Amino acid sequence: FGSRLQVRAATRRPQSFAADREGMSKSKVILDMIEAAVKAKGADMVKMGGAVFQLVISDLGDEGKLCIDLKNGSGATKRGSDEKADVTITLKDEDFAAMAEGKLDGMQAFMGGKLKISGNMMLAQKLGPILESARG
C-alpha cells in the first residue's frame, strides 16, 4: 500500500510483530500495537490518515475487528465494528500479519483476492504508512 512503505521496507530489515504472548495471533498483537500507537502519536497519525478505518481480520471473530478513527481530534481506536467507517479492510489473520511485516504487498493481496475493501478504496492506500508508524 503505497510507495513509502515499500521503500522503507526495502531499505531496512522489517521488524517483526512476533506474537509474544502464548497462543495470541500475530494480528492481535498488531492490533494492540496500532491501538498503542494511536494513543501515543494520534495527532500525527490523524495528519497521515484523515479517515476512519475499519479493520476486519475475518478468521478472528469480534476480536479481529478494530475501528481506527484518524479523522477526528487526536485519533482514537475502538474494538468492534463502526458503520461510519470511510473504508473497511478485510483479510485473514496470516495475510494481515504478512502485510504488516512488509512480506505481502497490499496491491498483490487485493488483486489475488486475499484483501477485500469496501468504501473509499483510495483511503486503503493510507494503511501502509499507518502500519509502519505502529511498527516504528
N, C-alpha and C. Protein backbone atom coordinates (compact mmCIF):
# COMPACT_ATOMS: atom_id res chain seq x y z
N PHE A 1 0.83 -1.18 0.00
CA PHE A 1 0.00 0.00 0.00
C PHE A 1 0.86 1.24 0.00
N GLY A 2 1.23 1.69 -1.10
CA GLY A 2 1.95 2.95 -1.14
C GLY A 2 3.44 2.76 -1.22
N SER A 3 4.07 3.65 -1.99
CA SER A 3 5.50 3.52 -2.23
C SER A 3 6.33 3.82 -1.00
N ARG A 4 5.85 4.67 -0.09
CA ARG A 4 6.64 4.97 1.11
C ARG A 4 6.92 3.72 1.92
N LEU A 5 5.91 2.89 2.10
CA LEU A 5 6.10 1.67 2.87
C LEU A 5 7.04 0.72 2.14
N GLN A 6 6.90 0.62 0.83
CA GLN A 6 7.75 -0.27 0.05
C GLN A 6 9.20 0.18 0.11
N VAL A 7 9.45 1.48 0.01
CA VAL A 7 10.82 1.99 0.07
C VAL A 7 11.41 1.73 1.45
N ARG A 8 10.65 2.01 2.50
CA ARG A 8 11.15 1.77 3.85
C ARG A 8 11.44 0.29 4.08
N ALA A 9 10.55 -0.55 3.60
CA ALA A 9 10.74 -1.99 3.80
C ALA A 9 11.97 -2.48 3.04
N ALA A 10 12.26 -1.87 1.90
CA ALA A 10 13.40 -2.29 1.10
C ALA A 10 14.72 -1.79 1.66
N THR A 11 14.67 -0.69 2.41
CA THR A 11 15.92 -0.09 2.89
C THR A 11 16.30 -0.49 4.31
N ARG A 12 15.44 -1.20 5.00
CA ARG A 12 15.80 -1.67 6.33
C ARG A 12 15.12 -3.01 6.58
N ARG A 13 15.72 -3.74 7.47
CA ARG A 13 15.16 -5.04 7.80
C ARG A 13 13.84 -4.85 8.54
N PRO A 14 12.77 -5.45 8.05
CA PRO A 14 11.48 -5.25 8.73
C PRO A 14 11.48 -5.82 10.14
N GLN A 15 10.95 -5.05 11.05
CA GLN A 15 10.76 -5.55 12.40
C GLN A 15 9.62 -6.55 12.37
N SER A 16 9.68 -7.49 13.23
CA SER A 16 8.62 -8.49 13.29
C SER A 16 7.61 -8.10 14.35
N PHE A 17 6.37 -8.42 14.08
CA PHE A 17 5.30 -8.24 15.06
C PHE A 17 5.06 -9.59 15.75
N ALA A 18 6.13 -10.28 16.09
CA ALA A 18 6.01 -11.63 16.64
C ALA A 18 5.04 -11.68 17.80
N ALA A 19 4.25 -12.73 17.81
CA ALA A 19 3.31 -12.93 18.91
C ALA A 19 4.10 -13.29 20.16
N ASP A 20 4.17 -12.35 21.09
CA ASP A 20 4.98 -12.58 22.27
C ASP A 20 4.15 -13.11 23.44
N ARG A 21 2.88 -13.28 23.23
CA ARG A 21 2.03 -13.84 24.27
C ARG A 21 1.53 -15.21 23.83
N GLU A 22 1.62 -16.16 24.71
CA GLU A 22 1.25 -17.55 24.42
C GLU A 22 -0.13 -17.62 23.78
N GLY A 23 -0.19 -18.26 22.62
CA GLY A 23 -1.46 -18.51 21.97
C GLY A 23 -2.10 -17.31 21.29
N MET A 24 -1.45 -16.17 21.27
CA MET A 24 -2.04 -14.98 20.67
C MET A 24 -1.60 -14.89 19.21
N SER A 25 -2.54 -14.62 18.32
CA SER A 25 -2.19 -14.50 16.91
C SER A 25 -1.37 -13.23 16.68
N LYS A 26 -0.59 -13.24 15.61
CA LYS A 26 0.19 -12.06 15.26
C LYS A 26 -0.72 -10.86 15.04
N SER A 27 -1.87 -11.09 14.41
CA SER A 27 -2.77 -9.98 14.12
C SER A 27 -3.27 -9.31 15.40
N LYS A 28 -3.55 -10.09 16.43
CA LYS A 28 -3.99 -9.48 17.70
C LYS A 28 -2.89 -8.60 18.28
N VAL A 29 -1.65 -9.06 18.18
CA VAL A 29 -0.52 -8.26 18.66
C VAL A 29 -0.42 -6.98 17.85
N ILE A 30 -0.59 -7.08 16.54
CA ILE A 30 -0.51 -5.91 15.66
C ILE A 30 -1.64 -4.93 15.98
N LEU A 31 -2.85 -5.43 16.18
CA LEU A 31 -3.97 -4.55 16.54
C LEU A 31 -3.69 -3.84 17.86
N ASP A 32 -3.11 -4.55 18.83
CA ASP A 32 -2.72 -3.91 20.09
C ASP A 32 -1.69 -2.81 19.86
N MET A 33 -0.73 -3.07 18.96
CA MET A 33 0.31 -2.08 18.67
C MET A 33 -0.28 -0.86 17.97
N ILE A 34 -1.26 -1.08 17.10
CA ILE A 34 -1.93 0.05 16.44
C ILE A 34 -2.64 0.89 17.49
N GLU A 35 -3.35 0.25 18.40
CA GLU A 35 -4.04 0.99 19.48
C GLU A 35 -3.05 1.81 20.30
N ALA A 36 -1.92 1.21 20.66
CA ALA A 36 -0.90 1.92 21.44
C ALA A 36 -0.32 3.08 20.66
N ALA A 37 -0.09 2.89 19.36
CA ALA A 37 0.48 3.95 18.53
C ALA A 37 -0.49 5.13 18.41
N VAL A 38 -1.79 4.84 18.26
CA VAL A 38 -2.77 5.92 18.16
C VAL A 38 -2.84 6.70 19.48
N LYS A 39 -2.74 6.00 20.60
CA LYS A 39 -2.73 6.70 21.90
C LYS A 39 -1.49 7.58 22.04
N ALA A 40 -0.35 7.07 21.59
CA ALA A 40 0.92 7.79 21.76
C ALA A 40 1.11 8.91 20.75
N LYS A 41 0.74 8.70 19.51
CA LYS A 41 1.00 9.70 18.47
C LYS A 41 -0.20 9.91 17.56
N GLY A 42 -1.37 9.95 18.18
CA GLY A 42 -2.61 10.09 17.44
C GLY A 42 -2.70 11.32 16.57
N ALA A 43 -2.27 12.47 17.08
CA ALA A 43 -2.37 13.72 16.30
C ALA A 43 -1.57 13.62 15.00
N ASP A 44 -0.37 13.05 15.07
CA ASP A 44 0.44 12.87 13.86
C ASP A 44 -0.21 11.86 12.91
N MET A 45 -0.80 10.82 13.48
CA MET A 45 -1.43 9.80 12.65
C MET A 45 -2.70 10.34 11.99
N VAL A 46 -3.40 11.27 12.65
CA VAL A 46 -4.57 11.90 12.05
C VAL A 46 -4.15 12.66 10.79
N LYS A 47 -2.99 13.32 10.85
CA LYS A 47 -2.49 14.03 9.67
C LYS A 47 -2.21 13.06 8.52
N MET A 48 -1.73 11.86 8.84
CA MET A 48 -1.45 10.84 7.82
C MET A 48 -2.73 10.19 7.30
N GLY A 49 -3.67 9.92 8.21
CA GLY A 49 -4.83 9.12 7.86
C GLY A 49 -5.99 9.90 7.29
N GLY A 50 -6.51 10.84 8.07
CA GLY A 50 -7.62 11.67 7.62
C GLY A 50 -8.90 10.90 7.33
N ALA A 51 -9.08 9.74 7.96
CA ALA A 51 -10.26 8.92 7.69
C ALA A 51 -10.52 7.99 8.86
N VAL A 52 -11.67 7.34 8.82
CA VAL A 52 -12.00 6.30 9.79
C VAL A 52 -11.84 4.96 9.08
N PHE A 53 -10.94 4.13 9.60
CA PHE A 53 -10.62 2.83 9.02
C PHE A 53 -11.24 1.73 9.87
N GLN A 54 -11.83 0.76 9.22
CA GLN A 54 -12.33 -0.43 9.92
C GLN A 54 -11.50 -1.62 9.44
N LEU A 55 -10.77 -2.23 10.36
CA LEU A 55 -10.01 -3.44 10.05
C LEU A 55 -10.83 -4.64 10.50
N VAL A 56 -10.93 -5.64 9.64
CA VAL A 56 -11.63 -6.87 9.98
C VAL A 56 -10.72 -8.04 9.64
N ILE A 57 -10.25 -8.72 10.67
CA ILE A 57 -9.46 -9.94 10.48
C ILE A 57 -10.50 -11.06 10.53
N SER A 58 -10.86 -11.56 9.36
CA SER A 58 -12.05 -12.39 9.21
C SER A 58 -12.05 -13.68 10.02
N ASP A 59 -10.90 -14.27 10.27
CA ASP A 59 -10.90 -15.54 10.98
C ASP A 59 -10.67 -15.38 12.49
N LEU A 60 -10.79 -14.16 13.01
CA LEU A 60 -10.64 -13.93 14.45
C LEU A 60 -11.93 -13.50 15.13
N GLY A 61 -13.03 -13.47 14.41
CA GLY A 61 -14.31 -13.07 15.00
C GLY A 61 -14.28 -11.63 15.49
N ASP A 62 -14.99 -11.36 16.59
CA ASP A 62 -15.07 -9.99 17.12
C ASP A 62 -13.72 -9.46 17.60
N GLU A 63 -12.83 -10.35 18.04
CA GLU A 63 -11.50 -9.92 18.50
C GLU A 63 -10.66 -9.38 17.35
N GLY A 64 -11.04 -9.68 16.13
CA GLY A 64 -10.28 -9.24 14.98
C GLY A 64 -10.84 -7.99 14.32
N LYS A 65 -11.69 -7.26 15.02
CA LYS A 65 -12.29 -6.04 14.47
C LYS A 65 -11.77 -4.84 15.24
N LEU A 66 -11.23 -3.88 14.51
CA LEU A 66 -10.72 -2.65 15.12
C LEU A 66 -11.09 -1.47 14.25
N CYS A 67 -11.73 -0.49 14.86
CA CYS A 67 -12.05 0.77 14.18
C CYS A 67 -10.98 1.78 14.59
N ILE A 68 -10.35 2.39 13.60
CA ILE A 68 -9.28 3.36 13.84
C ILE A 68 -9.76 4.71 13.32
N ASP A 69 -10.05 5.63 14.22
CA ASP A 69 -10.52 6.96 13.84
C ASP A 69 -9.31 7.89 13.74
N LEU A 70 -8.89 8.12 12.52
CA LEU A 70 -7.79 9.06 12.26
C LEU A 70 -8.32 10.26 11.48
N LYS A 71 -9.54 10.65 11.83
CA LYS A 71 -10.21 11.76 11.18
C LYS A 71 -10.54 12.85 12.20
N ASN A 72 -10.84 12.46 13.41
CA ASN A 72 -11.35 13.38 14.42
C ASN A 72 -10.39 13.55 15.59
N GLY A 73 -10.24 14.79 16.05
CA GLY A 73 -9.44 15.08 17.23
C GLY A 73 -8.02 14.57 17.13
N SER A 74 -7.59 13.87 18.17
CA SER A 74 -6.24 13.30 18.21
C SER A 74 -6.25 11.82 17.89
N GLY A 75 -7.30 11.36 17.26
CA GLY A 75 -7.40 9.95 16.88
C GLY A 75 -7.90 9.10 18.03
N ALA A 76 -8.45 7.96 17.68
CA ALA A 76 -8.97 7.02 18.68
C ALA A 76 -9.12 5.65 18.04
N THR A 77 -9.17 4.65 18.87
CA THR A 77 -9.45 3.30 18.40
C THR A 77 -10.58 2.72 19.21
N LYS A 78 -11.28 1.77 18.60
CA LYS A 78 -12.38 1.10 19.29
C LYS A 78 -12.45 -0.32 18.77
N ARG A 79 -12.44 -1.29 19.68
CA ARG A 79 -12.61 -2.69 19.28
C ARG A 79 -14.05 -2.88 18.82
N GLY A 80 -14.22 -3.65 17.77
CA GLY A 80 -15.54 -3.90 17.23
C GLY A 80 -15.73 -3.18 15.91
N SER A 81 -16.97 -3.09 15.48
CA SER A 81 -17.29 -2.51 14.18
C SER A 81 -17.83 -1.10 14.33
N ASP A 82 -17.67 -0.31 13.27
CA ASP A 82 -18.23 1.03 13.20
C ASP A 82 -18.81 1.21 11.81
N GLU A 83 -20.11 1.38 11.76
CA GLU A 83 -20.80 1.53 10.48
C GLU A 83 -20.42 2.84 9.77
N LYS A 84 -19.83 3.79 10.50
CA LYS A 84 -19.49 5.08 9.91
C LYS A 84 -18.09 5.10 9.31
N ALA A 85 -17.41 3.96 9.26
CA ALA A 85 -16.05 3.91 8.71
C ALA A 85 -16.05 4.35 7.25
N ASP A 86 -15.00 5.09 6.87
CA ASP A 86 -14.86 5.54 5.49
C ASP A 86 -14.41 4.40 4.59
N VAL A 87 -13.64 3.47 5.15
CA VAL A 87 -13.16 2.32 4.39
C VAL A 87 -13.07 1.12 5.33
N THR A 88 -13.48 -0.03 4.83
CA THR A 88 -13.38 -1.28 5.59
C THR A 88 -12.43 -2.20 4.85
N ILE A 89 -11.44 -2.71 5.57
CA ILE A 89 -10.41 -3.57 5.00
C ILE A 89 -10.53 -4.92 5.69
N THR A 90 -10.78 -5.95 4.89
CA THR A 90 -10.99 -7.30 5.43
C THR A 90 -9.96 -8.26 4.86
N LEU A 91 -9.33 -9.03 5.74
CA LEU A 91 -8.40 -10.07 5.32
C LEU A 91 -8.20 -11.07 6.44
N LYS A 92 -7.54 -12.17 6.13
CA LYS A 92 -7.31 -13.22 7.11
C LYS A 92 -6.11 -12.88 7.99
N ASP A 93 -6.06 -13.55 9.13
CA ASP A 93 -5.01 -13.35 10.13
C ASP A 93 -3.61 -13.41 9.52
N GLU A 94 -3.28 -14.50 8.86
CA GLU A 94 -1.91 -14.66 8.35
C GLU A 94 -1.59 -13.63 7.27
N ASP A 95 -2.57 -13.23 6.47
CA ASP A 95 -2.33 -12.23 5.42
C ASP A 95 -2.12 -10.84 6.02
N PHE A 96 -2.90 -10.50 7.04
CA PHE A 96 -2.73 -9.21 7.71
C PHE A 96 -1.35 -9.12 8.35
N ALA A 97 -0.95 -10.19 9.03
CA ALA A 97 0.37 -10.22 9.67
C ALA A 97 1.48 -10.07 8.62
N ALA A 98 1.35 -10.77 7.50
CA ALA A 98 2.36 -10.69 6.44
C ALA A 98 2.41 -9.28 5.85
N MET A 99 1.24 -8.65 5.67
CA MET A 99 1.22 -7.27 5.15
C MET A 99 1.86 -6.31 6.12
N ALA A 100 1.54 -6.45 7.40
CA ALA A 100 2.08 -5.54 8.42
C ALA A 100 3.59 -5.67 8.53
N GLU A 101 4.11 -6.85 8.27
CA GLU A 101 5.55 -7.09 8.35
C GLU A 101 6.26 -6.78 7.03
N GLY A 102 5.52 -6.32 6.03
CA GLY A 102 6.13 -5.98 4.75
C GLY A 102 6.43 -7.19 3.87
N LYS A 103 5.86 -8.34 4.20
CA LYS A 103 6.10 -9.56 3.43
C LYS A 103 5.06 -9.78 2.35
N LEU A 104 3.95 -9.07 2.42
CA LEU A 104 2.88 -9.19 1.44
C LEU A 104 2.50 -7.80 0.97
N ASP A 105 2.58 -7.58 -0.33
CA ASP A 105 2.22 -6.30 -0.93
C ASP A 105 0.70 -6.15 -0.94
N GLY A 106 0.22 -5.00 -0.51
CA GLY A 106 -1.21 -4.75 -0.44
C GLY A 106 -1.91 -4.88 -1.77
N MET A 107 -1.31 -4.36 -2.82
CA MET A 107 -1.93 -4.43 -4.15
C MET A 107 -2.01 -5.88 -4.62
N GLN A 108 -0.95 -6.64 -4.40
CA GLN A 108 -0.98 -8.06 -4.79
C GLN A 108 -2.02 -8.82 -3.98
N ALA A 109 -2.13 -8.50 -2.70
CA ALA A 109 -3.13 -9.15 -1.85
C ALA A 109 -4.54 -8.83 -2.36
N PHE A 110 -4.76 -7.58 -2.76
CA PHE A 110 -6.07 -7.18 -3.28
C PHE A 110 -6.36 -7.88 -4.60
N MET A 111 -5.40 -7.85 -5.51
CA MET A 111 -5.60 -8.47 -6.82
C MET A 111 -5.76 -9.99 -6.71
N GLY A 112 -5.14 -10.59 -5.70
CA GLY A 112 -5.23 -12.03 -5.50
C GLY A 112 -6.43 -12.45 -4.67
N GLY A 113 -7.26 -11.50 -4.28
CA GLY A 113 -8.46 -11.82 -3.52
C GLY A 113 -8.23 -12.06 -2.04
N LYS A 114 -7.02 -11.80 -1.56
CA LYS A 114 -6.73 -12.00 -0.14
C LYS A 114 -7.19 -10.83 0.71
N LEU A 115 -7.35 -9.67 0.08
CA LEU A 115 -7.72 -8.44 0.77
C LEU A 115 -8.97 -7.89 0.11
N LYS A 116 -9.98 -7.59 0.92
CA LYS A 116 -11.22 -7.02 0.39
C LYS A 116 -11.38 -5.62 0.96
N ILE A 117 -11.83 -4.72 0.10
CA ILE A 117 -12.01 -3.33 0.51
C ILE A 117 -13.42 -2.90 0.17
N SER A 118 -14.09 -2.26 1.13
CA SER A 118 -15.38 -1.63 0.84
C SER A 118 -15.31 -0.19 1.33
N GLY A 119 -16.06 0.66 0.66
CA GLY A 119 -15.99 2.08 0.98
C GLY A 119 -15.00 2.76 0.04
N ASN A 120 -14.36 3.80 0.51
CA ASN A 120 -13.43 4.59 -0.30
C ASN A 120 -12.11 3.83 -0.47
N MET A 121 -11.95 3.21 -1.63
CA MET A 121 -10.78 2.37 -1.89
C MET A 121 -9.47 3.15 -1.84
N MET A 122 -9.49 4.40 -2.21
CA MET A 122 -8.26 5.20 -2.22
C MET A 122 -7.71 5.37 -0.79
N LEU A 123 -8.58 5.40 0.19
CA LEU A 123 -8.13 5.55 1.57
C LEU A 123 -7.36 4.32 2.05
N ALA A 124 -7.64 3.17 1.46
CA ALA A 124 -6.95 1.94 1.87
C ALA A 124 -5.44 2.05 1.65
N GLN A 125 -5.03 2.88 0.70
CA GLN A 125 -3.60 3.07 0.44
C GLN A 125 -2.88 3.72 1.62
N LYS A 126 -3.62 4.38 2.48
CA LYS A 126 -3.01 5.03 3.64
C LYS A 126 -2.72 4.05 4.76
N LEU A 127 -3.19 2.82 4.63
CA LEU A 127 -2.97 1.84 5.69
C LEU A 127 -1.50 1.49 5.85
N GLY A 128 -0.75 1.44 4.76
CA GLY A 128 0.67 1.10 4.83
C GLY A 128 1.45 2.01 5.76
N PRO A 129 1.40 3.32 5.57
CA PRO A 129 2.10 4.23 6.48
C PRO A 129 1.59 4.15 7.93
N ILE A 130 0.32 3.83 8.10
CA ILE A 130 -0.22 3.68 9.45
C ILE A 130 0.40 2.46 10.13
N LEU A 131 0.48 1.36 9.41
CA LEU A 131 1.12 0.15 9.95
C LEU A 131 2.59 0.41 10.24
N GLU A 132 3.23 1.15 9.34
CA GLU A 132 4.65 1.49 9.53
C GLU A 132 4.83 2.31 10.81
N SER A 133 3.93 3.25 11.04
CA SER A 133 4.01 4.08 12.23
C SER A 133 3.79 3.25 13.50
N ALA A 134 2.89 2.29 13.43
CA ALA A 134 2.64 1.42 14.58
C ALA A 134 3.84 0.54 14.86
N ARG A 135 4.51 0.12 13.81
CA ARG A 135 5.67 -0.76 13.96
C ARG A 135 6.87 0.01 14.46
N GLY A 136 6.95 1.30 14.02
CA GLY A 136 8.11 2.10 14.17
C GLY A 136 8.62 2.51 15.45
